[in-house]
Protein backbone atom coordinates (compact mmCIF):
# COMPACT_ATOMS: atom_id res chain seq x y z
CA MET A 1 -1.47 -30.76 -20.31
CA PRO A 2 -1.40 -33.52 -17.66
CA SER A 3 -4.43 -34.13 -15.46
CA PRO A 4 -5.51 -32.48 -13.25
CA SER A 5 -5.32 -29.33 -15.36
CA LEU A 6 -7.55 -27.19 -13.15
CA ILE A 7 -6.92 -26.50 -9.47
CA GLU A 8 -9.64 -25.34 -7.11
CA THR A 9 -9.15 -21.80 -5.81
CA GLY A 10 -8.79 -22.90 -2.20
CA GLU A 11 -6.18 -25.52 -3.06
CA LEU A 12 -4.29 -23.06 -5.24
CA GLN A 13 -4.26 -20.51 -2.40
CA VAL A 14 -2.74 -23.11 -0.08
CA ILE A 15 -0.05 -23.88 -2.68
CA LEU A 16 0.85 -20.21 -3.18
CA ASP A 17 0.90 -19.47 0.57
CA ASP A 18 3.21 -22.43 1.12
CA ILE A 19 5.57 -21.27 -1.62
CA ALA A 20 5.63 -17.71 -0.25
CA ASP A 21 6.30 -18.97 3.29
CA ARG A 22 9.20 -21.15 2.19
CA VAL A 23 10.71 -18.46 -0.04
CA ALA A 24 10.57 -15.97 2.86
CA GLY A 25 13.02 -18.12 4.82
CA MET A 26 15.64 -18.50 2.09
CA SER A 27 18.94 -16.77 2.76
CA ASP A 28 20.25 -16.73 -0.82
CA ARG A 29 18.09 -14.11 -2.50
CA GLY A 30 20.30 -13.15 -5.45
CA LYS A 31 21.52 -9.63 -6.20
CA VAL A 32 19.57 -6.64 -7.49
CA ALA A 33 20.50 -5.22 -10.90
CA GLN A 34 23.32 -2.76 -10.28
CA TYR A 35 23.65 -1.21 -13.73
CA ILE A 36 20.30 0.60 -13.49
CA PRO A 37 20.64 2.90 -10.46
CA GLU A 38 16.90 3.00 -9.67
CA LEU A 39 16.80 -0.80 -9.48
CA ALA A 40 19.94 -1.07 -7.36
CA GLY A 41 18.13 0.29 -4.30
CA VAL A 42 15.12 -2.06 -4.34
CA ASP A 43 14.62 -4.06 -1.12
CA LEU A 44 15.71 -7.68 -1.60
CA ASN A 45 13.33 -8.96 1.07
CA GLN A 46 10.25 -9.02 -1.13
CA PHE A 47 8.47 -11.80 -2.95
CA GLY A 48 5.08 -11.99 -4.63
CA ILE A 49 3.25 -14.51 -6.75
CA ALA A 50 -0.11 -14.38 -8.55
CA VAL A 51 -2.05 -16.82 -10.72
CA ALA A 52 -4.68 -15.43 -13.10
CA PRO A 53 -6.86 -18.27 -14.45
CA ILE A 54 -8.57 -17.86 -17.80
CA ASP A 55 -11.84 -18.44 -15.95
CA GLY A 56 -11.94 -17.04 -12.45
CA ALA A 57 -10.40 -14.44 -10.17
CA PRO A 58 -6.65 -14.11 -9.54
CA VAL A 59 -5.13 -15.94 -6.58
CA SER A 60 -2.02 -14.49 -4.94
CA ALA A 61 0.40 -14.58 -2.03
CA GLY A 62 3.17 -12.41 -0.62
CA ASN A 63 3.86 -8.98 -2.11
CA ALA A 64 1.62 -9.62 -5.10
CA ASP A 65 0.28 -6.05 -5.21
CA THR A 66 3.65 -4.29 -4.95
CA LEU A 67 4.60 -2.42 -8.11
CA PHE A 68 7.89 -3.25 -9.79
CA SER A 69 9.59 -2.37 -13.07
CA ILE A 70 8.63 -5.05 -15.59
CA GLN A 71 11.72 -4.37 -17.72
CA SER A 72 12.13 -7.05 -20.42
CA ILE A 73 8.73 -8.60 -19.75
CA SER A 74 7.49 -5.56 -21.66
CA LYS A 75 8.98 -7.16 -24.78
CA VAL A 76 6.04 -9.58 -24.83
CA PHE A 77 3.61 -6.65 -25.03
CA SER A 78 5.63 -4.61 -27.51
CA LEU A 79 5.88 -7.66 -29.79
CA THR A 80 2.14 -8.18 -29.39
CA GLU A 81 1.55 -4.52 -30.25
CA ALA A 82 3.68 -4.88 -33.37
CA LEU A 83 1.92 -8.07 -34.46
CA GLN A 84 -1.50 -6.59 -33.65
CA HIS A 85 -1.34 -3.10 -35.07
CA VAL A 86 1.51 -2.82 -37.55
CA GLY A 87 0.66 -5.87 -39.62
CA ALA A 88 2.09 -7.34 -42.79
CA THR A 89 1.03 -4.52 -45.11
CA LEU A 90 3.29 -1.92 -43.51
CA TRP A 91 6.24 -4.31 -43.28
CA GLN A 92 5.87 -5.11 -46.98
CA ARG A 93 5.75 -1.41 -47.75
CA VAL A 94 9.03 -0.76 -45.95
CA GLY A 95 10.62 -3.68 -47.75
CA ALA A 96 11.08 -6.26 -44.99
CA THR A 97 8.93 -8.40 -42.74
CA LEU A 98 9.52 -8.37 -39.00
CA TRP A 99 10.98 -11.87 -39.17
CA GLN A 100 13.54 -10.78 -41.77
CA ARG A 101 14.76 -8.13 -39.34
CA VAL A 102 14.62 -10.27 -36.18
CA GLY A 103 15.33 -13.99 -35.88
CA ARG A 104 13.50 -16.70 -33.98
CA GLU A 105 16.39 -18.64 -32.46
CA PRO A 106 17.85 -18.75 -28.93
CA SER A 107 20.94 -16.59 -28.63
CA GLY A 108 23.01 -18.55 -26.12
CA ASP A 109 24.60 -15.22 -25.18
CA PRO A 110 23.76 -12.58 -22.56
CA PHE A 111 20.74 -10.40 -23.34
CA ASN A 112 22.89 -7.32 -24.06
CA SER A 113 25.71 -9.00 -25.99
CA ILE A 114 27.03 -7.32 -29.12
CA VAL A 115 29.31 -10.20 -30.25
CA GLN A 116 26.66 -12.26 -32.00
CA LEU A 117 25.02 -9.15 -33.43
CA GLU A 118 28.28 -8.15 -35.10
CA HIS A 119 28.86 -11.65 -36.46
CA GLU A 120 25.34 -11.76 -37.95
CA ARG A 121 25.44 -8.28 -39.51
CA GLY A 122 22.94 -6.51 -37.28
CA ILE A 123 20.14 -9.13 -37.30
CA PRO A 124 19.27 -10.02 -33.68
CA ARG A 125 18.63 -13.67 -32.92
CA ASN A 126 15.17 -13.12 -31.38
CA PRO A 127 12.83 -10.33 -30.21
CA PHE A 128 13.41 -10.98 -26.48
CA ILE A 129 17.08 -10.06 -26.26
CA ASN A 130 17.81 -6.34 -26.10
CA PRO A 131 18.79 -5.77 -29.75
CA GLY A 132 15.74 -7.72 -30.94
CA ALA A 133 13.41 -5.66 -28.78
CA ILE A 134 15.07 -2.48 -30.03
CA VAL A 135 14.26 -3.53 -33.61
CA VAL A 136 10.64 -4.22 -32.56
CA ALA A 137 10.56 -0.71 -31.08
CA ASP A 138 11.80 0.63 -34.42
CA VAL A 139 8.96 -1.22 -36.19
CA LEU A 140 6.47 0.44 -33.83
CA LEU A 141 7.87 3.83 -34.85
CA GLU A 142 7.19 3.29 -38.55
CA ASP A 143 3.87 5.15 -38.34
CA ARG A 144 3.90 7.01 -35.05
CA SER A 145 6.02 9.08 -32.67
CA SER A 146 7.92 7.70 -29.69
CA ASP A 147 5.35 9.21 -27.32
CA GLU A 148 2.48 7.69 -29.26
CA ALA A 149 4.15 4.29 -29.41
CA VAL A 150 4.89 4.07 -25.69
CA ASN A 151 1.30 5.09 -24.96
CA ASP A 152 0.10 2.31 -27.28
CA VAL A 153 2.17 -0.30 -25.40
CA LEU A 154 1.08 1.12 -22.04
CA ASN A 155 -2.58 1.17 -23.07
CA LEU A 156 -2.35 -2.41 -24.27
CA CYS A 157 -1.07 -3.39 -20.81
CA ARG A 158 -3.84 -1.38 -19.14
CA THR A 159 -6.53 -2.98 -21.29
CA LEU A 160 -5.27 -6.52 -20.78
CA ALA A 161 -4.80 -6.02 -17.02
CA GLU A 162 -8.20 -4.32 -16.70
CA ASP A 163 -6.47 -1.55 -14.77
CA ALA A 164 -6.04 1.99 -16.08
CA SER A 165 -3.81 3.06 -13.19
CA MET A 166 -0.48 1.70 -14.39
CA GLN A 167 2.17 4.15 -15.54
CA VAL A 168 5.71 4.38 -16.81
CA ASP A 169 8.01 4.85 -13.80
CA LYS A 170 9.71 8.08 -14.85
CA ALA A 171 12.56 7.72 -12.35
CA VAL A 172 13.46 4.29 -13.74
CA ALA A 173 13.15 5.52 -17.34
CA ASP A 174 15.40 8.51 -16.64
CA SER A 175 17.88 6.21 -14.91
CA GLU A 176 18.01 3.96 -17.96
CA MET A 177 18.40 6.90 -20.32
CA ARG A 178 21.40 8.12 -18.33
CA THR A 179 23.13 4.75 -18.11
CA GLY A 180 22.08 2.97 -21.31
CA SER A 181 25.38 3.17 -23.17
CA ARG A 182 25.47 -0.52 -24.08
CA ASN A 183 21.96 -0.37 -25.56
CA ARG A 184 23.00 2.71 -27.50
CA ALA A 185 25.97 0.76 -28.86
CA LEU A 186 23.65 -2.07 -29.94
CA ALA A 187 21.27 0.39 -31.59
CA HIS A 188 23.99 2.32 -33.40
CA PHE A 189 25.51 -0.90 -34.70
CA MET A 190 22.15 -2.04 -36.08
CA LYS A 191 21.63 1.43 -37.55
CA ALA A 192 24.98 1.14 -39.32
CA GLU A 193 23.90 -2.23 -40.72
CA GLY A 194 20.61 -0.79 -41.98
CA ASN A 195 18.34 -2.58 -39.50
CA LEU A 196 17.02 0.54 -37.76
CA LYS A 197 14.99 3.12 -39.69
CA ALA A 198 14.12 5.72 -37.05
CA PRO A 199 16.66 7.93 -35.23
CA VAL A 200 18.47 5.94 -32.53
CA GLU A 201 17.43 8.23 -29.68
CA ASP A 202 13.76 8.01 -30.69
CA VAL A 203 13.94 4.21 -30.71
CA LEU A 204 15.70 4.10 -27.35
CA SER A 205 13.25 6.58 -25.82
CA LEU A 206 10.47 4.12 -26.60
CA TYR A 207 12.50 1.11 -25.52
CA PHE A 208 13.62 2.53 -22.17
CA ARG A 209 10.14 3.78 -21.31
CA GLN A 210 8.37 0.52 -22.17
CA CYS A 211 10.85 -1.32 -19.93
CA SER A 212 10.03 1.13 -17.13
CA ILE A 213 6.32 0.33 -16.98
CA ALA A 214 5.47 -0.51 -13.36
CA MET A 215 3.08 -3.37 -12.65
CA SER A 216 2.30 -5.76 -9.82
CA CYS A 217 2.30 -9.56 -9.96
CA ARG A 218 -1.48 -9.50 -9.97
CA GLN A 219 -1.72 -6.96 -12.82
CA LEU A 220 0.92 -8.71 -14.90
CA ALA A 221 -0.65 -12.15 -14.49
CA VAL A 222 -4.06 -10.82 -15.56
CA ALA A 223 -2.46 -9.03 -18.51
CA GLY A 224 -0.80 -12.25 -19.67
CA ARG A 225 -3.98 -14.35 -19.80
CA TYR A 226 -4.55 -13.76 -23.51
CA LEU A 227 -1.53 -15.93 -24.28
CA ALA A 228 -2.97 -18.75 -22.17
CA ALA A 229 -6.28 -18.32 -24.00
CA ALA A 230 -4.93 -18.71 -27.55
CA GLY A 231 -4.88 -14.96 -28.17
CA GLN A 232 -8.33 -14.14 -26.78
CA ASN A 233 -8.83 -11.63 -23.96
CA PRO A 234 -10.82 -13.58 -21.34
CA ALA A 235 -12.30 -10.34 -19.99
CA ASP A 236 -14.40 -9.61 -23.06
CA GLY A 237 -13.71 -12.33 -25.62
CA SER A 238 -11.96 -9.95 -28.00
CA THR A 239 -9.08 -11.14 -30.15
CA VAL A 240 -5.71 -9.74 -29.08
CA LEU A 241 -3.73 -11.99 -31.42
CA SER A 242 -4.69 -14.80 -33.75
CA ALA A 243 -4.26 -18.25 -32.23
CA GLN A 244 -1.32 -18.88 -34.53
CA ARG A 245 0.48 -15.69 -33.50
CA ALA A 246 -0.22 -16.30 -29.80
CA ARG A 247 1.29 -19.78 -30.17
CA ARG A 248 4.36 -18.29 -31.83
CA VAL A 249 4.83 -15.73 -29.05
CA THR A 250 4.64 -18.44 -26.39
CA ALA A 251 7.03 -20.63 -28.40
CA LEU A 252 9.53 -17.76 -28.40
CA MET A 253 9.02 -17.33 -24.66
CA MET A 254 9.87 -21.00 -24.12
CA MET A 255 12.99 -20.86 -26.29
CA CYS A 256 14.25 -17.34 -25.61
CA GLY A 257 12.37 -15.74 -22.72
CA SER A 258 14.94 -16.33 -19.99
CA TYR A 259 17.95 -15.19 -22.03
CA ASP A 260 20.85 -17.65 -22.04
CA ALA A 261 19.16 -19.61 -19.23
CA SER A 262 16.06 -20.38 -21.31
CA GLY A 263 17.02 -24.01 -21.75
CA GLU A 264 17.64 -24.41 -18.04
CA PHE A 265 14.27 -22.83 -17.19
CA ALA A 266 12.50 -25.13 -19.66
CA PHE A 267 14.36 -28.08 -18.16
CA ARG A 268 13.44 -27.23 -14.57
CA VAL A 269 10.00 -25.61 -15.02
CA GLY A 270 8.66 -26.44 -18.46
CA LEU A 271 6.50 -23.37 -19.09
CA PRO A 272 6.82 -20.51 -21.60
CA ALA A 273 8.31 -17.62 -19.63
CA LYS A 274 9.58 -14.07 -19.96
CA SER A 275 11.82 -12.60 -17.30
CA GLY A 276 12.98 -9.06 -16.58
CA VAL A 277 15.87 -7.64 -14.58
CA GLY A 278 13.33 -5.93 -12.32
CA GLY A 279 12.92 -9.40 -10.81
CA GLY A 280 9.65 -10.47 -12.42
CA ILE A 281 8.91 -13.64 -14.39
CA LEU A 282 5.70 -14.09 -16.38
CA CYS A 283 4.79 -17.70 -17.21
CA ILE A 284 2.02 -19.01 -19.42
CA VAL A 285 0.13 -22.22 -18.65
CA PRO A 286 -1.59 -22.86 -22.00
CA GLY A 287 -5.33 -23.26 -21.69
CA ILE A 288 -5.30 -22.60 -17.96
CA ALA A 289 -3.69 -19.44 -16.57
CA ALA A 290 -0.93 -16.85 -16.59
CA VAL A 291 1.35 -16.67 -13.56
CA THR A 292 3.74 -13.98 -12.33
CA ALA A 293 6.33 -14.31 -9.59
CA TRP A 294 8.57 -11.46 -8.48
CA SER A 295 11.58 -10.99 -6.25
CA PRO A 296 14.18 -8.35 -7.14
CA GLY A 297 17.32 -10.43 -6.51
CA LEU A 298 18.78 -11.87 -9.72
CA ASP A 299 20.97 -14.88 -10.50
CA ALA A 300 24.08 -14.75 -12.68
CA LYS A 301 21.99 -14.88 -15.88
CA GLY A 302 19.78 -11.92 -14.94
CA ASN A 303 16.68 -13.89 -13.91
CA SER A 304 15.01 -13.63 -10.51
CA HIS A 305 16.56 -16.23 -8.24
CA LEU A 306 13.59 -16.72 -5.93
CA ALA A 307 10.94 -16.42 -8.65
CA SER A 308 12.69 -19.21 -10.57
CA ILE A 309 12.62 -21.42 -7.48
CA ALA A 310 8.97 -20.55 -6.91
CA PHE A 311 8.03 -21.72 -10.39
CA GLN A 312 9.80 -25.01 -9.86
CA GLU A 313 7.75 -25.52 -6.71
CA LEU A 314 4.54 -24.41 -8.43
CA VAL A 315 4.78 -26.90 -11.29
CA ARG A 316 5.70 -29.65 -8.84
CA ALA A 317 2.54 -28.96 -6.86
CA THR A 318 0.16 -28.31 -9.79
CA ARG A 319 1.63 -30.58 -12.50
CA TRP A 320 1.32 -27.65 -14.90
CA SER A 321 4.53 -28.16 -16.88
CA VAL A 322 3.82 -28.56 -20.60
CA PHE A 323 6.20 -31.53 -20.58
CA GLY A 324 4.28 -33.50 -17.97
CA PRO A 325 4.19 -33.77 -14.18
CA SER A 326 7.32 -33.10 -12.13
CA VAL A 327 8.46 -35.77 -9.70
């Protein structure tokens, strides 16, 4: 990490306020996700950003306390839940490790593509595209019901964010259940190839509900700090993941977290990231902080247009890119 690695709170507040002010004046704000009806009506004229340092209170600007659907950012927490609670013993018992069922490579295709999945006989490229996250959901159902599993993911988010108030947005979840035909196609194809064990509708019930968890930028940034802290929860020092597993999750975020724009995001920003079609992006600054930016308008790849710009400005001002300072 280039020096200076730490930014004083007052200076960081000035940086975030400046970013929020400039973003507010931008005319191109992207387009909200249209294929999930509950997301299609979200006001485009919103932007929030929050930084949660490992040591210290969160710093934020804009609509940082507005709740939004975290969507695919939930895949970070469901993968963490699988790594944390399911463990190698169960995967050995069912005859396959997680990484035999899900790959660790960028897909280069849209997050809901079935083409590559068919070519590779039902083995998703990584856990952050839709079919990969559906397999992770299936792993979570090996020893519990769909209701129990979604509560486990939700409670993990609550614990990490130090906020018991967050909930699954039922309206968004119901909207996804009604319109999730493509995800059903992905799940049924993997079921046919033997890569799903539980009933498809049980797996999708978990998947749709975890994607519908509502959080704010501030909550999500605080929840992500364990990945910046090598798997330790800064709130109490407990181990969420081993340092090795936390490093692997952040490596996957760098390579695969922004779908088929992951390379472009690494090129322009240089931080491990996970985006969601609700307009949020969670970034990890190893050893320093977790950062969330949110604006509901998406670019052509399904990533928040304004949040992506905000992260470019943030790393330029802070020199936080893992590849060195931006010029």
